Amino acid sequence: MHHFNRSELNQHMRIHTGEKPFSCDVCEKGFYQKSLLNQHMIIHTGEKPYGCDVCSQKFNRKSNLSKHMRIHTGEKPYGCDVCCQKQSNLKRHMRIHTGEQPLDCNLCGKQFRKSSNLKLHMMSHTGDKPFGCDVCGQKFTRKTNLSVHSRTHTGEKPFTCDCCGKRFILSISEIFRNT
């Protein structure tokens, strides 16, 4: 059993009383601990002190860097009780089973399961297409779409039909994704 000193007890009791004596000067959000306010301030400063040694992507919290590292290590520490797949982000994965789409577009109200899909969707409103073809100048919202498009210039057909040997620019999954 943990024994609190007076200062720790006062701080702990704020959880129950709802007292939040530390507030953000920027957005006025309140916190019951000074350390939580300090953590919060990174949102406003844009500071990202934690960098990935593999790809140089930066993060505002050490915990976000740790989660990101699973991309590089392939670690999937969580097992889904519904489909038994191992997952790196079980909360997000469960949305597949529940149908939950907690992220809303603030312009049209369309809902999304993943923030990356919302970000891509926002490009439909802004017209932003950051990936451009070096050959013809056509622009794309996704890097993968640019890669597929580039094959029209190179003639590369990396996918082969198992039945007849004919070669294609798109894989079976890409063909069905685009229909």
N, C-alpha and C. Protein backbone atom coordinates (compact mmCIF):
# COMPACT_ATOMS: atom_id res chain seq x y z
N MET A 1 0.84 -1.18 0.00
CA MET A 1 0.00 0.00 0.00
C MET A 1 0.89 1.25 0.00
N HIS A 2 0.56 2.21 -0.86
CA HIS A 2 1.36 3.44 -0.98
C HIS A 2 0.92 4.44 0.10
N HIS A 3 1.91 5.00 0.80
CA HIS A 3 1.63 6.01 1.81
C HIS A 3 1.99 7.37 1.23
N PHE A 4 1.02 8.28 1.20
CA PHE A 4 1.21 9.61 0.65
C PHE A 4 1.76 10.55 1.72
N ASN A 5 2.66 11.45 1.33
CA ASN A 5 2.97 12.56 2.22
C ASN A 5 1.88 13.61 1.98
N ARG A 6 1.87 14.69 2.77
CA ARG A 6 0.78 15.67 2.70
C ARG A 6 0.67 16.28 1.30
N SER A 7 1.80 16.62 0.68
CA SER A 7 1.79 17.23 -0.65
C SER A 7 1.22 16.27 -1.70
N GLU A 8 1.64 15.00 -1.64
CA GLU A 8 1.14 14.00 -2.59
C GLU A 8 -0.35 13.75 -2.38
N LEU A 9 -0.78 13.75 -1.13
CA LEU A 9 -2.19 13.53 -0.83
C LEU A 9 -3.04 14.68 -1.38
N ASN A 10 -2.58 15.92 -1.17
CA ASN A 10 -3.32 17.08 -1.70
C ASN A 10 -3.42 17.00 -3.22
N GLN A 11 -2.31 16.65 -3.84
CA GLN A 11 -2.29 16.54 -5.30
C GLN A 11 -3.23 15.42 -5.76
N HIS A 12 -3.19 14.28 -5.07
CA HIS A 12 -4.05 13.15 -5.42
C HIS A 12 -5.53 13.50 -5.25
N MET A 13 -5.86 14.20 -4.21
CA MET A 13 -7.26 14.53 -3.94
C MET A 13 -7.87 15.41 -5.03
N ARG A 14 -7.03 16.14 -5.76
CA ARG A 14 -7.54 16.98 -6.86
C ARG A 14 -8.23 16.13 -7.93
N ILE A 15 -7.80 14.89 -8.09
CA ILE A 15 -8.46 13.98 -9.04
C ILE A 15 -9.92 13.83 -8.66
N HIS A 16 -10.18 13.70 -7.37
CA HIS A 16 -11.54 13.46 -6.88
C HIS A 16 -12.37 14.74 -6.75
N THR A 17 -11.71 15.84 -6.41
CA THR A 17 -12.44 17.09 -6.22
C THR A 17 -12.66 17.84 -7.54
N GLY A 18 -11.82 17.50 -8.54
CA GLY A 18 -11.92 18.21 -9.81
C GLY A 18 -11.16 19.52 -9.83
N GLU A 19 -10.47 19.83 -8.74
CA GLU A 19 -9.69 21.07 -8.68
C GLU A 19 -8.54 21.01 -9.69
N LYS A 20 -8.41 22.08 -10.47
CA LYS A 20 -7.34 22.16 -11.48
C LYS A 20 -6.67 23.53 -11.38
N PRO A 21 -5.73 23.66 -10.45
CA PRO A 21 -5.14 24.97 -10.19
C PRO A 21 -4.13 25.44 -11.23
N PHE A 22 -3.73 24.57 -12.14
CA PHE A 22 -2.75 24.95 -13.16
C PHE A 22 -3.45 25.05 -14.50
N SER A 23 -3.42 26.24 -15.12
CA SER A 23 -4.12 26.38 -16.40
C SER A 23 -3.19 26.92 -17.48
N CYS A 24 -3.50 26.52 -18.70
CA CYS A 24 -2.72 26.90 -19.88
C CYS A 24 -3.02 28.35 -20.23
N ASP A 25 -1.97 29.14 -20.42
CA ASP A 25 -2.13 30.55 -20.79
C ASP A 25 -2.67 30.73 -22.20
N VAL A 26 -2.50 29.69 -23.04
CA VAL A 26 -2.92 29.78 -24.44
C VAL A 26 -4.39 29.41 -24.62
N CYS A 27 -4.78 28.24 -24.10
CA CYS A 27 -6.15 27.76 -24.35
C CYS A 27 -7.00 27.66 -23.08
N GLU A 28 -6.42 27.95 -21.92
CA GLU A 28 -7.11 27.97 -20.63
C GLU A 28 -7.52 26.59 -20.11
N LYS A 29 -7.03 25.50 -20.73
CA LYS A 29 -7.33 24.17 -20.22
C LYS A 29 -6.68 24.02 -18.85
N GLY A 30 -7.41 23.38 -17.92
CA GLY A 30 -6.92 23.24 -16.56
C GLY A 30 -6.31 21.88 -16.28
N PHE A 31 -5.38 21.84 -15.33
CA PHE A 31 -4.70 20.60 -14.96
C PHE A 31 -4.54 20.54 -13.45
N TYR A 32 -4.58 19.33 -12.91
CA TYR A 32 -4.42 19.19 -11.48
C TYR A 32 -2.96 19.02 -11.07
N GLN A 33 -2.07 18.84 -12.05
CA GLN A 33 -0.63 18.74 -11.78
C GLN A 33 0.13 19.69 -12.69
N LYS A 34 1.15 20.31 -12.16
CA LYS A 34 2.00 21.21 -12.94
C LYS A 34 2.70 20.44 -14.07
N SER A 35 3.12 19.20 -13.80
CA SER A 35 3.82 18.40 -14.81
C SER A 35 2.91 18.11 -16.01
N LEU A 36 1.61 17.95 -15.77
CA LEU A 36 0.67 17.72 -16.87
C LEU A 36 0.50 18.97 -17.72
N LEU A 37 0.50 20.13 -17.07
CA LEU A 37 0.46 21.39 -17.81
C LEU A 37 1.71 21.53 -18.69
N ASN A 38 2.87 21.21 -18.12
CA ASN A 38 4.12 21.30 -18.89
C ASN A 38 4.08 20.38 -20.11
N GLN A 39 3.58 19.17 -19.93
CA GLN A 39 3.42 18.23 -21.06
C GLN A 39 2.49 18.81 -22.11
N HIS A 40 1.40 19.39 -21.68
CA HIS A 40 0.39 19.96 -22.56
C HIS A 40 0.96 21.10 -23.41
N MET A 41 1.83 21.92 -22.83
CA MET A 41 2.35 23.10 -23.52
C MET A 41 3.05 22.76 -24.83
N ILE A 42 3.57 21.56 -24.95
CA ILE A 42 4.24 21.14 -26.19
C ILE A 42 3.30 21.21 -27.38
N ILE A 43 2.00 21.01 -27.15
CA ILE A 43 1.00 21.12 -28.22
C ILE A 43 1.06 22.50 -28.85
N HIS A 44 1.20 23.53 -28.04
CA HIS A 44 1.18 24.91 -28.53
C HIS A 44 2.52 25.36 -29.10
N THR A 45 3.62 24.84 -28.55
CA THR A 45 4.94 25.27 -29.03
C THR A 45 5.33 24.56 -30.32
N GLY A 46 4.71 23.39 -30.56
CA GLY A 46 5.07 22.61 -31.75
C GLY A 46 6.38 21.86 -31.56
N GLU A 47 6.94 21.92 -30.37
CA GLU A 47 8.22 21.26 -30.09
C GLU A 47 8.06 19.75 -30.22
N LYS A 48 9.01 19.12 -30.89
CA LYS A 48 9.02 17.67 -31.04
C LYS A 48 10.43 17.17 -30.71
N PRO A 49 10.70 17.01 -29.41
CA PRO A 49 12.06 16.68 -28.98
C PRO A 49 12.47 15.22 -29.15
N TYR A 50 11.53 14.34 -29.49
CA TYR A 50 11.84 12.91 -29.57
C TYR A 50 11.90 12.48 -31.04
N GLY A 51 13.10 12.11 -31.49
CA GLY A 51 13.30 11.76 -32.89
C GLY A 51 13.57 10.28 -33.09
N CYS A 52 13.04 9.74 -34.18
CA CYS A 52 13.26 8.35 -34.56
C CYS A 52 14.65 8.22 -35.18
N ASP A 53 15.45 7.29 -34.68
CA ASP A 53 16.80 7.08 -35.21
C ASP A 53 16.79 6.40 -36.58
N VAL A 54 15.67 5.78 -36.94
CA VAL A 54 15.59 5.06 -38.21
C VAL A 54 15.19 5.98 -39.36
N CYS A 55 14.10 6.75 -39.17
CA CYS A 55 13.58 7.55 -40.28
C CYS A 55 13.57 9.06 -40.01
N SER A 56 14.04 9.48 -38.86
CA SER A 56 14.15 10.90 -38.49
C SER A 56 12.81 11.59 -38.24
N GLN A 57 11.70 10.87 -38.23
CA GLN A 57 10.43 11.49 -37.88
C GLN A 57 10.49 11.94 -36.42
N LYS A 58 9.84 13.06 -36.10
CA LYS A 58 9.91 13.63 -34.75
C LYS A 58 8.55 13.57 -34.06
N PHE A 59 8.59 13.51 -32.73
CA PHE A 59 7.38 13.37 -31.93
C PHE A 59 7.42 14.29 -30.72
N ASN A 60 6.21 14.68 -30.26
CA ASN A 60 6.13 15.57 -29.10
C ASN A 60 6.17 14.81 -27.78
N ARG A 61 5.95 13.51 -27.80
CA ARG A 61 5.97 12.71 -26.59
C ARG A 61 6.80 11.45 -26.81
N LYS A 62 7.48 11.02 -25.76
CA LYS A 62 8.29 9.81 -25.82
C LYS A 62 7.40 8.59 -26.10
N SER A 63 6.20 8.59 -25.54
CA SER A 63 5.28 7.46 -25.75
C SER A 63 4.88 7.35 -27.22
N ASN A 64 4.73 8.49 -27.91
CA ASN A 64 4.41 8.46 -29.35
C ASN A 64 5.56 7.91 -30.16
N LEU A 65 6.79 8.23 -29.77
CA LEU A 65 7.96 7.66 -30.44
C LEU A 65 8.00 6.16 -30.24
N SER A 66 7.72 5.71 -29.02
CA SER A 66 7.72 4.27 -28.73
C SER A 66 6.70 3.53 -29.60
N LYS A 67 5.50 4.10 -29.73
CA LYS A 67 4.48 3.49 -30.59
C LYS A 67 4.95 3.47 -32.04
N HIS A 68 5.56 4.57 -32.50
CA HIS A 68 6.05 4.68 -33.87
C HIS A 68 7.10 3.62 -34.17
N MET A 69 7.95 3.32 -33.21
CA MET A 69 9.03 2.37 -33.43
C MET A 69 8.51 0.99 -33.83
N ARG A 70 7.27 0.69 -33.49
CA ARG A 70 6.68 -0.61 -33.87
C ARG A 70 6.60 -0.75 -35.38
N ILE A 71 6.53 0.37 -36.12
CA ILE A 71 6.53 0.32 -37.58
C ILE A 71 7.83 -0.31 -38.07
N HIS A 72 8.93 0.08 -37.45
CA HIS A 72 10.24 -0.39 -37.88
C HIS A 72 10.56 -1.79 -37.35
N THR A 73 10.11 -2.09 -36.13
CA THR A 73 10.43 -3.40 -35.53
C THR A 73 9.43 -4.48 -35.92
N GLY A 74 8.24 -4.05 -36.37
CA GLY A 74 7.19 -5.02 -36.71
C GLY A 74 6.50 -5.58 -35.47
N GLU A 75 6.81 -5.02 -34.30
CA GLU A 75 6.22 -5.51 -33.06
C GLU A 75 4.71 -5.30 -33.06
N LYS A 76 3.98 -6.35 -32.70
CA LYS A 76 2.52 -6.27 -32.57
C LYS A 76 2.15 -6.92 -31.24
N PRO A 77 2.21 -6.12 -30.16
CA PRO A 77 2.08 -6.69 -28.81
C PRO A 77 0.67 -7.02 -28.36
N TYR A 78 -0.36 -6.63 -29.12
CA TYR A 78 -1.73 -6.81 -28.65
C TYR A 78 -2.48 -7.81 -29.51
N GLY A 79 -3.16 -8.75 -28.87
CA GLY A 79 -3.96 -9.74 -29.59
C GLY A 79 -5.43 -9.36 -29.57
N CYS A 80 -6.07 -9.44 -30.74
CA CYS A 80 -7.50 -9.12 -30.85
C CYS A 80 -8.31 -10.34 -30.43
N ASP A 81 -9.26 -10.15 -29.51
CA ASP A 81 -10.11 -11.24 -29.04
C ASP A 81 -11.17 -11.63 -30.08
N VAL A 82 -11.43 -10.76 -31.05
CA VAL A 82 -12.46 -11.03 -32.05
C VAL A 82 -11.91 -11.87 -33.20
N CYS A 83 -10.77 -11.42 -33.77
CA CYS A 83 -10.24 -12.11 -34.97
C CYS A 83 -8.88 -12.76 -34.73
N CYS A 84 -8.36 -12.64 -33.52
CA CYS A 84 -7.10 -13.28 -33.11
C CYS A 84 -5.85 -12.73 -33.79
N GLN A 85 -5.97 -11.65 -34.54
CA GLN A 85 -4.79 -11.05 -35.16
C GLN A 85 -3.98 -10.31 -34.10
N LYS A 86 -2.67 -10.29 -34.29
CA LYS A 86 -1.80 -9.49 -33.43
C LYS A 86 -1.78 -8.08 -34.00
N GLN A 87 -1.86 -7.08 -33.13
CA GLN A 87 -1.95 -5.69 -33.55
C GLN A 87 -0.97 -4.81 -32.79
N SER A 88 -0.53 -3.74 -33.44
CA SER A 88 0.31 -2.76 -32.76
C SER A 88 -0.55 -1.68 -32.11
N ASN A 89 -1.79 -1.49 -32.59
CA ASN A 89 -2.69 -0.50 -32.02
C ASN A 89 -4.08 -1.14 -31.92
N LEU A 90 -4.33 -1.80 -30.81
CA LEU A 90 -5.56 -2.58 -30.65
C LEU A 90 -6.80 -1.69 -30.63
N LYS A 91 -6.71 -0.51 -29.99
CA LYS A 91 -7.87 0.39 -29.92
C LYS A 91 -8.33 0.78 -31.32
N ARG A 92 -7.39 1.16 -32.18
CA ARG A 92 -7.74 1.53 -33.56
C ARG A 92 -8.25 0.31 -34.33
N HIS A 93 -7.61 -0.85 -34.14
CA HIS A 93 -8.03 -2.07 -34.83
C HIS A 93 -9.47 -2.45 -34.47
N MET A 94 -9.85 -2.30 -33.22
CA MET A 94 -11.20 -2.70 -32.79
C MET A 94 -12.29 -1.92 -33.51
N ARG A 95 -11.95 -0.74 -34.03
CA ARG A 95 -12.93 0.04 -34.78
C ARG A 95 -13.40 -0.70 -36.03
N ILE A 96 -12.58 -1.59 -36.56
CA ILE A 96 -13.00 -2.42 -37.71
C ILE A 96 -14.18 -3.27 -37.30
N HIS A 97 -14.12 -3.84 -36.11
CA HIS A 97 -15.18 -4.74 -35.64
C HIS A 97 -16.41 -3.98 -35.14
N THR A 98 -16.20 -2.84 -34.52
CA THR A 98 -17.33 -2.10 -33.94
C THR A 98 -17.98 -1.15 -34.95
N GLY A 99 -17.24 -0.82 -36.02
CA GLY A 99 -17.74 0.14 -36.99
C GLY A 99 -17.58 1.58 -36.53
N GLU A 100 -16.96 1.78 -35.36
CA GLU A 100 -16.78 3.13 -34.83
C GLU A 100 -15.90 3.97 -35.76
N GLN A 101 -16.36 5.19 -36.01
CA GLN A 101 -15.61 6.16 -36.81
C GLN A 101 -15.61 7.48 -36.05
N PRO A 102 -14.68 7.62 -35.10
CA PRO A 102 -14.73 8.76 -34.18
C PRO A 102 -14.18 10.08 -34.74
N LEU A 103 -13.62 10.04 -35.92
CA LEU A 103 -13.01 11.25 -36.47
C LEU A 103 -13.90 11.85 -37.54
N ASP A 104 -14.29 13.12 -37.36
CA ASP A 104 -15.19 13.80 -38.28
C ASP A 104 -14.46 14.87 -39.08
N CYS A 105 -14.82 14.98 -40.37
CA CYS A 105 -14.35 16.09 -41.18
C CYS A 105 -15.14 17.32 -40.74
N ASN A 106 -14.43 18.38 -40.37
CA ASN A 106 -15.13 19.58 -39.89
C ASN A 106 -15.75 20.39 -41.03
N LEU A 107 -15.51 19.98 -42.28
CA LEU A 107 -16.09 20.69 -43.41
C LEU A 107 -17.35 20.02 -43.95
N CYS A 108 -17.36 18.68 -44.01
CA CYS A 108 -18.53 18.00 -44.59
C CYS A 108 -19.17 16.97 -43.67
N GLY A 109 -18.52 16.68 -42.53
CA GLY A 109 -19.10 15.75 -41.57
C GLY A 109 -18.81 14.29 -41.82
N LYS A 110 -18.13 13.95 -42.92
CA LYS A 110 -17.80 12.55 -43.19
C LYS A 110 -16.95 12.01 -42.04
N GLN A 111 -17.18 10.74 -41.68
CA GLN A 111 -16.51 10.16 -40.53
C GLN A 111 -15.45 9.15 -40.96
N PHE A 112 -14.42 9.03 -40.11
CA PHE A 112 -13.29 8.15 -40.42
C PHE A 112 -12.85 7.39 -39.19
N ARG A 113 -12.26 6.22 -39.45
CA ARG A 113 -11.75 5.36 -38.40
C ARG A 113 -10.32 5.75 -38.03
N LYS A 114 -9.54 6.21 -39.02
CA LYS A 114 -8.14 6.51 -38.82
C LYS A 114 -7.84 7.97 -39.18
N SER A 115 -6.93 8.59 -38.41
CA SER A 115 -6.58 9.99 -38.67
C SER A 115 -5.90 10.15 -40.03
N SER A 116 -5.17 9.11 -40.48
CA SER A 116 -4.51 9.20 -41.79
C SER A 116 -5.54 9.28 -42.91
N ASN A 117 -6.67 8.58 -42.75
CA ASN A 117 -7.72 8.65 -43.77
C ASN A 117 -8.41 10.01 -43.76
N LEU A 118 -8.60 10.58 -42.57
CA LEU A 118 -9.18 11.93 -42.48
C LEU A 118 -8.24 12.93 -43.14
N LYS A 119 -6.94 12.80 -42.90
CA LYS A 119 -5.96 13.71 -43.49
C LYS A 119 -6.00 13.63 -45.02
N LEU A 120 -6.07 12.42 -45.56
CA LEU A 120 -6.19 12.25 -47.01
C LEU A 120 -7.49 12.86 -47.53
N HIS A 121 -8.58 12.65 -46.80
CA HIS A 121 -9.87 13.20 -47.19
C HIS A 121 -9.83 14.73 -47.25
N MET A 122 -9.15 15.34 -46.29
CA MET A 122 -9.08 16.81 -46.24
C MET A 122 -8.46 17.37 -47.52
N MET A 123 -7.61 16.58 -48.18
CA MET A 123 -7.02 17.01 -49.45
C MET A 123 -8.07 17.18 -50.53
N SER A 124 -9.19 16.45 -50.42
CA SER A 124 -10.26 16.61 -51.41
C SER A 124 -10.91 17.99 -51.27
N HIS A 125 -10.87 18.56 -50.08
CA HIS A 125 -11.41 19.90 -49.87
C HIS A 125 -10.41 20.99 -50.26
N THR A 126 -9.14 20.73 -49.99
CA THR A 126 -8.11 21.75 -50.24
C THR A 126 -7.56 21.67 -51.66
N GLY A 127 -7.72 20.50 -52.30
CA GLY A 127 -7.14 20.31 -53.63
C GLY A 127 -5.65 20.01 -53.58
N ASP A 128 -5.12 19.81 -52.39
CA ASP A 128 -3.69 19.55 -52.23
C ASP A 128 -3.33 18.18 -52.81
N LYS A 129 -2.36 18.17 -53.70
CA LYS A 129 -1.83 16.94 -54.29
C LYS A 129 -0.31 17.05 -54.26
N PRO A 130 0.30 16.60 -53.16
CA PRO A 130 1.73 16.85 -52.95
C PRO A 130 2.69 15.97 -53.75
N PHE A 131 2.18 14.92 -54.41
CA PHE A 131 3.07 14.01 -55.12
C PHE A 131 2.93 14.20 -56.62
N GLY A 132 3.97 14.74 -57.25
CA GLY A 132 3.93 15.04 -58.68
C GLY A 132 4.82 14.12 -59.50
N CYS A 133 4.34 13.77 -60.70
CA CYS A 133 5.10 12.93 -61.63
C CYS A 133 6.19 13.78 -62.29
N ASP A 134 7.43 13.29 -62.25
CA ASP A 134 8.56 14.00 -62.86
C ASP A 134 8.49 14.00 -64.38
N VAL A 135 7.76 13.04 -64.96
CA VAL A 135 7.70 12.91 -66.41
C VAL A 135 6.62 13.81 -67.02
N CYS A 136 5.38 13.69 -66.52
CA CYS A 136 4.28 14.43 -67.14
C CYS A 136 3.67 15.52 -66.27
N GLY A 137 4.07 15.58 -65.00
CA GLY A 137 3.57 16.62 -64.11
C GLY A 137 2.24 16.33 -63.43
N GLN A 138 1.62 15.19 -63.75
CA GLN A 138 0.34 14.86 -63.09
C GLN A 138 0.58 14.75 -61.59
N LYS A 139 -0.40 15.21 -60.80
CA LYS A 139 -0.24 15.24 -59.35
C LYS A 139 -1.21 14.27 -58.67
N PHE A 140 -0.78 13.79 -57.48
CA PHE A 140 -1.54 12.79 -56.75
C PHE A 140 -1.56 13.11 -55.26
N THR A 141 -2.63 12.66 -54.59
CA THR A 141 -2.73 12.86 -53.14
C THR A 141 -1.91 11.80 -52.40
N ARG A 142 -1.73 10.64 -53.00
CA ARG A 142 -1.00 9.54 -52.35
C ARG A 142 0.26 9.17 -53.11
N LYS A 143 1.29 8.88 -52.37
CA LYS A 143 2.57 8.46 -52.96
C LYS A 143 2.39 7.13 -53.71
N THR A 144 1.55 6.24 -53.18
CA THR A 144 1.33 4.95 -53.84
C THR A 144 0.68 5.14 -55.21
N ASN A 145 -0.23 6.11 -55.33
CA ASN A 145 -0.87 6.37 -56.62
C ASN A 145 0.14 6.90 -57.63
N LEU A 146 1.09 7.72 -57.17
CA LEU A 146 2.16 8.19 -58.05
C LEU A 146 3.02 7.02 -58.51
N SER A 147 3.33 6.11 -57.60
CA SER A 147 4.15 4.94 -57.96
C SER A 147 3.47 4.10 -59.04
N VAL A 148 2.18 3.86 -58.86
CA VAL A 148 1.43 3.09 -59.87
C VAL A 148 1.41 3.85 -61.20
N HIS A 149 1.15 5.16 -61.15
CA HIS A 149 1.13 5.98 -62.36
C HIS A 149 2.47 5.94 -63.10
N SER A 150 3.56 5.97 -62.35
CA SER A 150 4.90 5.97 -62.96
C SER A 150 5.12 4.76 -63.86
N ARG A 151 4.45 3.67 -63.55
CA ARG A 151 4.59 2.45 -64.38
C ARG A 151 4.06 2.67 -65.79
N THR A 152 3.15 3.63 -65.97
CA THR A 152 2.65 3.89 -67.33
C THR A 152 3.75 4.50 -68.19
N HIS A 153 4.71 5.16 -67.58
CA HIS A 153 5.84 5.74 -68.31
C HIS A 153 6.97 4.74 -68.52
N THR A 154 7.19 3.89 -67.50
CA THR A 154 8.32 2.95 -67.58
C THR A 154 7.94 1.67 -68.31
N GLY A 155 6.64 1.38 -68.38
CA GLY A 155 6.20 0.13 -68.99
C GLY A 155 6.32 -1.06 -68.04
N GLU A 156 6.74 -0.80 -66.81
CA GLU A 156 6.90 -1.88 -65.83
C GLU A 156 5.55 -2.53 -65.55
N LYS A 157 5.54 -3.86 -65.57
CA LYS A 157 4.34 -4.64 -65.24
C LYS A 157 4.77 -5.71 -64.25
N PRO A 158 4.80 -5.35 -62.96
CA PRO A 158 5.38 -6.26 -61.96
C PRO A 158 4.46 -7.40 -61.49
N PHE A 159 3.21 -7.40 -61.92
CA PHE A 159 2.27 -8.41 -61.43
C PHE A 159 1.88 -9.37 -62.55
N THR A 160 1.95 -10.66 -62.23
CA THR A 160 1.70 -11.71 -63.22
C THR A 160 0.48 -12.53 -62.83
N CYS A 161 -0.37 -12.81 -63.84
CA CYS A 161 -1.53 -13.68 -63.63
C CYS A 161 -1.01 -15.11 -63.44
N ASP A 162 -1.43 -15.76 -62.36
CA ASP A 162 -1.00 -17.13 -62.07
C ASP A 162 -1.55 -18.13 -63.07
N CYS A 163 -2.66 -17.78 -63.73
CA CYS A 163 -3.29 -18.71 -64.66
C CYS A 163 -2.65 -18.69 -66.05
N CYS A 164 -2.44 -17.49 -66.61
CA CYS A 164 -2.00 -17.41 -68.00
C CYS A 164 -0.63 -16.75 -68.19
N GLY A 165 -0.08 -16.16 -67.12
CA GLY A 165 1.24 -15.53 -67.23
C GLY A 165 1.23 -14.10 -67.75
N LYS A 166 0.04 -13.57 -68.10
CA LYS A 166 -0.03 -12.18 -68.58
C LYS A 166 0.40 -11.24 -67.45
N ARG A 167 1.07 -10.14 -67.82
CA ARG A 167 1.62 -9.21 -66.83
C ARG A 167 0.77 -7.93 -66.77
N PHE A 168 0.72 -7.33 -65.55
CA PHE A 168 -0.12 -6.16 -65.31
C PHE A 168 0.62 -5.10 -64.49
N ILE A 169 0.15 -3.85 -64.65
CA ILE A 169 0.68 -2.73 -63.87
C ILE A 169 0.18 -2.80 -62.43
N LEU A 170 -1.09 -3.22 -62.25
CA LEU A 170 -1.72 -3.27 -60.93
C LEU A 170 -1.77 -4.68 -60.39
N SER A 171 -1.71 -4.80 -59.06
CA SER A 171 -1.92 -6.10 -58.41
C SER A 171 -3.42 -6.36 -58.35
N ILE A 172 -3.80 -7.58 -58.02
CA ILE A 172 -5.22 -7.93 -57.88
C ILE A 172 -5.88 -7.02 -56.83
N SER A 173 -5.22 -6.81 -55.68
CA SER A 173 -5.81 -5.98 -54.63
C SER A 173 -5.96 -4.53 -55.10
N GLU A 174 -5.01 -4.02 -55.89
CA GLU A 174 -5.10 -2.66 -56.40
C GLU A 174 -6.25 -2.54 -57.42
N ILE A 175 -6.43 -3.57 -58.22
CA ILE A 175 -7.51 -3.57 -59.21
C ILE A 175 -8.87 -3.48 -58.51
N PHE A 176 -9.06 -4.33 -57.48
CA PHE A 176 -10.34 -4.35 -56.78
C PHE A 176 -10.54 -3.13 -55.89
N ARG A 177 -9.46 -2.51 -55.41
CA ARG A 177 -9.55 -1.30 -54.61
C ARG A 177 -10.06 -0.15 -55.47
N ASN A 178 -9.72 -0.15 -56.75
CA ASN A 178 -10.07 0.96 -57.63
C ASN A 178 -11.42 0.78 -58.33
N THR A 179 -12.15 -0.30 -58.04
CA THR A 179 -13.46 -0.51 -58.69
C THR A 179 -14.59 -0.18 -57.74
